N, C-alpha and C. Protein backbone atom coordinates (compact mmCIF):
# COMPACT_ATOMS: atom_id res chain seq x y z
N MET A 1 0.83 -1.19 0.00
CA MET A 1 0.00 0.00 0.00
C MET A 1 0.87 1.25 0.00
N ARG A 2 1.92 1.28 0.79
CA ARG A 2 2.80 2.45 0.85
C ARG A 2 3.47 2.69 -0.50
N GLY A 3 3.83 1.61 -1.20
CA GLY A 3 4.44 1.74 -2.52
C GLY A 3 3.51 2.44 -3.51
N ASP A 4 2.21 2.11 -3.43
CA ASP A 4 1.23 2.78 -4.29
C ASP A 4 1.16 4.27 -3.99
N LEU A 5 1.17 4.62 -2.72
CA LEU A 5 1.12 6.01 -2.31
C LEU A 5 2.38 6.75 -2.77
N ASP A 6 3.53 6.11 -2.64
CA ASP A 6 4.78 6.72 -3.09
C ASP A 6 4.78 6.95 -4.60
N ARG A 7 4.27 5.98 -5.36
CA ARG A 7 4.20 6.14 -6.81
C ARG A 7 3.23 7.26 -7.19
N PHE A 8 2.12 7.32 -6.48
CA PHE A 8 1.15 8.38 -6.73
C PHE A 8 1.76 9.74 -6.43
N ALA A 9 2.43 9.86 -5.29
CA ALA A 9 3.06 11.12 -4.90
C ALA A 9 4.11 11.53 -5.93
N ALA A 10 4.88 10.58 -6.42
CA ALA A 10 5.90 10.88 -7.43
C ALA A 10 5.24 11.36 -8.73
N ALA A 11 4.14 10.73 -9.10
CA ALA A 11 3.42 11.14 -10.32
C ALA A 11 2.86 12.55 -10.18
N VAL A 12 2.31 12.86 -9.01
CA VAL A 12 1.78 14.20 -8.77
C VAL A 12 2.92 15.23 -8.81
N GLU A 13 4.03 14.91 -8.21
CA GLU A 13 5.20 15.80 -8.22
C GLU A 13 5.68 16.04 -9.65
N LYS A 14 5.78 14.98 -10.44
CA LYS A 14 6.23 15.12 -11.83
C LYS A 14 5.23 15.95 -12.63
N PHE A 15 3.96 15.71 -12.43
CA PHE A 15 2.93 16.48 -13.12
C PHE A 15 3.07 17.97 -12.79
N GLY A 16 3.27 18.28 -11.53
CA GLY A 16 3.44 19.67 -11.11
C GLY A 16 4.67 20.31 -11.75
N GLN A 17 5.77 19.59 -11.77
CA GLN A 17 7.00 20.11 -12.37
C GLN A 17 6.82 20.34 -13.87
N GLU A 18 6.20 19.38 -14.55
CA GLU A 18 5.98 19.52 -15.99
C GLU A 18 5.01 20.66 -16.31
N THR A 19 4.00 20.83 -15.47
CA THR A 19 3.05 21.92 -15.67
C THR A 19 3.75 23.26 -15.53
N LEU A 20 4.58 23.41 -14.50
CA LEU A 20 5.32 24.66 -14.32
C LEU A 20 6.29 24.91 -15.47
N LYS A 21 6.93 23.85 -15.95
CA LYS A 21 7.85 23.98 -17.07
C LYS A 21 7.10 24.44 -18.32
N HIS A 22 5.91 23.90 -18.51
CA HIS A 22 5.09 24.27 -19.67
C HIS A 22 4.62 25.72 -19.56
N MET A 23 4.29 26.15 -18.36
CA MET A 23 3.75 27.50 -18.17
C MET A 23 4.83 28.59 -18.15
N ALA A 24 6.06 28.24 -17.90
CA ALA A 24 7.12 29.24 -17.76
C ALA A 24 7.24 30.17 -18.96
N PRO A 25 7.29 29.67 -20.20
CA PRO A 25 7.38 30.60 -21.34
C PRO A 25 6.14 31.50 -21.47
N GLU A 26 4.99 30.96 -21.14
CA GLU A 26 3.77 31.76 -21.20
C GLU A 26 3.85 32.92 -20.21
N GLU A 27 4.31 32.62 -19.00
CA GLU A 27 4.37 33.64 -17.97
C GLU A 27 5.52 34.62 -18.16
N SER A 28 6.63 34.15 -18.72
CA SER A 28 7.79 35.03 -18.86
C SER A 28 7.81 35.80 -20.18
N THR A 29 7.12 35.30 -21.20
CA THR A 29 7.16 35.94 -22.52
C THR A 29 5.78 36.36 -23.01
N VAL A 30 4.86 35.41 -23.09
CA VAL A 30 3.57 35.68 -23.71
C VAL A 30 2.75 36.69 -22.89
N LEU A 31 2.59 36.45 -21.62
CA LEU A 31 1.76 37.35 -20.82
C LEU A 31 2.33 38.77 -20.72
N PRO A 32 3.64 38.95 -20.53
CA PRO A 32 4.14 40.33 -20.53
C PRO A 32 3.88 41.05 -21.87
N LEU A 33 4.04 40.33 -22.98
CA LEU A 33 3.76 40.95 -24.28
C LEU A 33 2.27 41.26 -24.42
N ALA A 34 1.43 40.35 -23.95
CA ALA A 34 -0.01 40.58 -24.00
C ALA A 34 -0.38 41.81 -23.17
N LYS A 35 0.18 41.93 -21.98
CA LYS A 35 -0.10 43.09 -21.12
C LYS A 35 0.34 44.38 -21.79
N GLU A 36 1.41 44.32 -22.53
CA GLU A 36 1.94 45.50 -23.19
C GLU A 36 1.10 45.91 -24.40
N HIS A 37 0.55 44.95 -25.13
CA HIS A 37 -0.06 45.25 -26.42
C HIS A 37 -1.57 45.12 -26.49
N LEU A 38 -2.19 44.37 -25.59
CA LEU A 38 -3.64 44.18 -25.67
C LEU A 38 -4.38 45.29 -24.94
N THR A 39 -5.53 45.65 -25.48
CA THR A 39 -6.37 46.67 -24.86
C THR A 39 -7.33 46.00 -23.87
N ALA A 40 -8.03 46.82 -23.11
CA ALA A 40 -9.04 46.30 -22.17
C ALA A 40 -10.10 45.52 -22.94
N GLU A 41 -10.45 46.01 -24.11
CA GLU A 41 -11.45 45.31 -24.94
C GLU A 41 -10.90 43.95 -25.39
N ASP A 42 -9.63 43.89 -25.77
CA ASP A 42 -9.01 42.62 -26.15
C ASP A 42 -9.08 41.62 -25.01
N TRP A 43 -8.74 42.09 -23.79
CA TRP A 43 -8.77 41.20 -22.63
C TRP A 43 -10.19 40.71 -22.36
N SER A 44 -11.16 41.58 -22.52
CA SER A 44 -12.55 41.19 -22.30
C SER A 44 -12.98 40.12 -23.30
N GLU A 45 -12.65 40.34 -24.57
CA GLU A 45 -12.99 39.35 -25.60
C GLU A 45 -12.28 38.02 -25.35
N THR A 46 -11.02 38.10 -24.93
CA THR A 46 -10.26 36.88 -24.65
C THR A 46 -10.88 36.13 -23.47
N GLY A 47 -11.23 36.86 -22.43
CA GLY A 47 -11.86 36.23 -21.26
C GLY A 47 -13.16 35.56 -21.62
N THR A 48 -13.96 36.23 -22.44
CA THR A 48 -15.24 35.64 -22.88
C THR A 48 -15.00 34.37 -23.68
N ALA A 49 -14.04 34.44 -24.61
CA ALA A 49 -13.76 33.27 -25.45
C ALA A 49 -13.29 32.09 -24.61
N PHE A 50 -12.41 32.33 -23.64
CA PHE A 50 -11.92 31.24 -22.81
C PHE A 50 -13.02 30.69 -21.90
N SER A 51 -13.89 31.55 -21.41
CA SER A 51 -14.95 31.06 -20.51
C SER A 51 -15.97 30.21 -21.25
N GLU A 52 -16.07 30.37 -22.56
CA GLU A 52 -17.02 29.59 -23.35
C GLU A 52 -16.47 28.23 -23.74
N ASN A 53 -15.19 28.02 -23.55
CA ASN A 53 -14.55 26.75 -23.92
C ASN A 53 -14.32 25.90 -22.69
N GLY A 54 -14.68 24.66 -22.77
CA GLY A 54 -14.40 23.73 -21.69
C GLY A 54 -12.99 23.18 -21.84
N ASP A 55 -12.61 22.36 -20.93
CA ASP A 55 -11.32 21.69 -21.01
C ASP A 55 -11.43 20.61 -22.09
N PRO A 56 -10.58 20.66 -23.12
CA PRO A 56 -10.71 19.70 -24.23
C PRO A 56 -10.45 18.26 -23.82
N ARG A 57 -9.90 18.05 -22.63
CA ARG A 57 -9.65 16.68 -22.18
C ARG A 57 -10.90 16.03 -21.59
N PHE A 58 -11.93 16.82 -21.33
CA PHE A 58 -13.12 16.31 -20.65
C PHE A 58 -14.37 16.63 -21.45
N ASP A 59 -15.31 15.71 -21.42
CA ASP A 59 -16.63 16.05 -21.92
C ASP A 59 -17.41 16.64 -20.75
N ALA A 60 -18.65 17.05 -20.97
CA ALA A 60 -19.41 17.72 -19.92
C ALA A 60 -19.58 16.85 -18.68
N GLU A 61 -19.85 15.56 -18.87
CA GLU A 61 -20.06 14.67 -17.73
C GLU A 61 -18.77 14.47 -16.93
N THR A 62 -17.68 14.24 -17.64
CA THR A 62 -16.40 14.05 -16.96
C THR A 62 -15.99 15.32 -16.24
N ASP A 63 -16.22 16.48 -16.86
CA ASP A 63 -15.90 17.76 -16.24
C ASP A 63 -16.69 17.92 -14.95
N HIS A 64 -17.97 17.56 -14.99
CA HIS A 64 -18.82 17.65 -13.79
C HIS A 64 -18.29 16.73 -12.69
N ASP A 65 -17.94 15.50 -13.07
CA ASP A 65 -17.41 14.55 -12.09
C ASP A 65 -16.10 15.06 -11.47
N CYS A 66 -15.26 15.66 -12.30
CA CYS A 66 -13.98 16.19 -11.81
C CYS A 66 -14.23 17.34 -10.83
N ARG A 67 -15.15 18.23 -11.17
CA ARG A 67 -15.47 19.35 -10.28
C ARG A 67 -16.02 18.84 -8.95
N ASP A 68 -16.77 17.75 -8.98
CA ASP A 68 -17.32 17.18 -7.76
C ASP A 68 -16.21 16.76 -6.78
N LEU A 69 -15.06 16.39 -7.32
CA LEU A 69 -13.96 16.00 -6.44
C LEU A 69 -13.50 17.15 -5.54
N PHE A 70 -13.71 18.37 -6.00
CA PHE A 70 -13.24 19.54 -5.27
C PHE A 70 -14.35 20.29 -4.56
N THR A 71 -15.53 19.69 -4.52
CA THR A 71 -16.66 20.31 -3.85
C THR A 71 -16.82 19.70 -2.46
N ALA A 72 -16.84 20.55 -1.47
CA ALA A 72 -17.01 20.05 -0.09
C ALA A 72 -18.41 19.46 0.05
N GLY A 73 -18.49 18.44 0.79
CA GLY A 73 -19.83 17.93 1.01
C GLY A 73 -19.82 16.50 1.23
């Protein structure tokens, strides 16, 4: 049982590291350029577009099930 927990913890750690590595160029290059060049209207349109899109890895049912994991109750 402890081995399973250790493997899970290692997978979560690796996922976190890979996510940060993936996000680094966005945060260090893309977002500063966007802040410099996009208008308030651009940001509003971008926010609307992103809010209308779900996570492409999940369908509506899977997305609902995933959100339930983080809902107290």
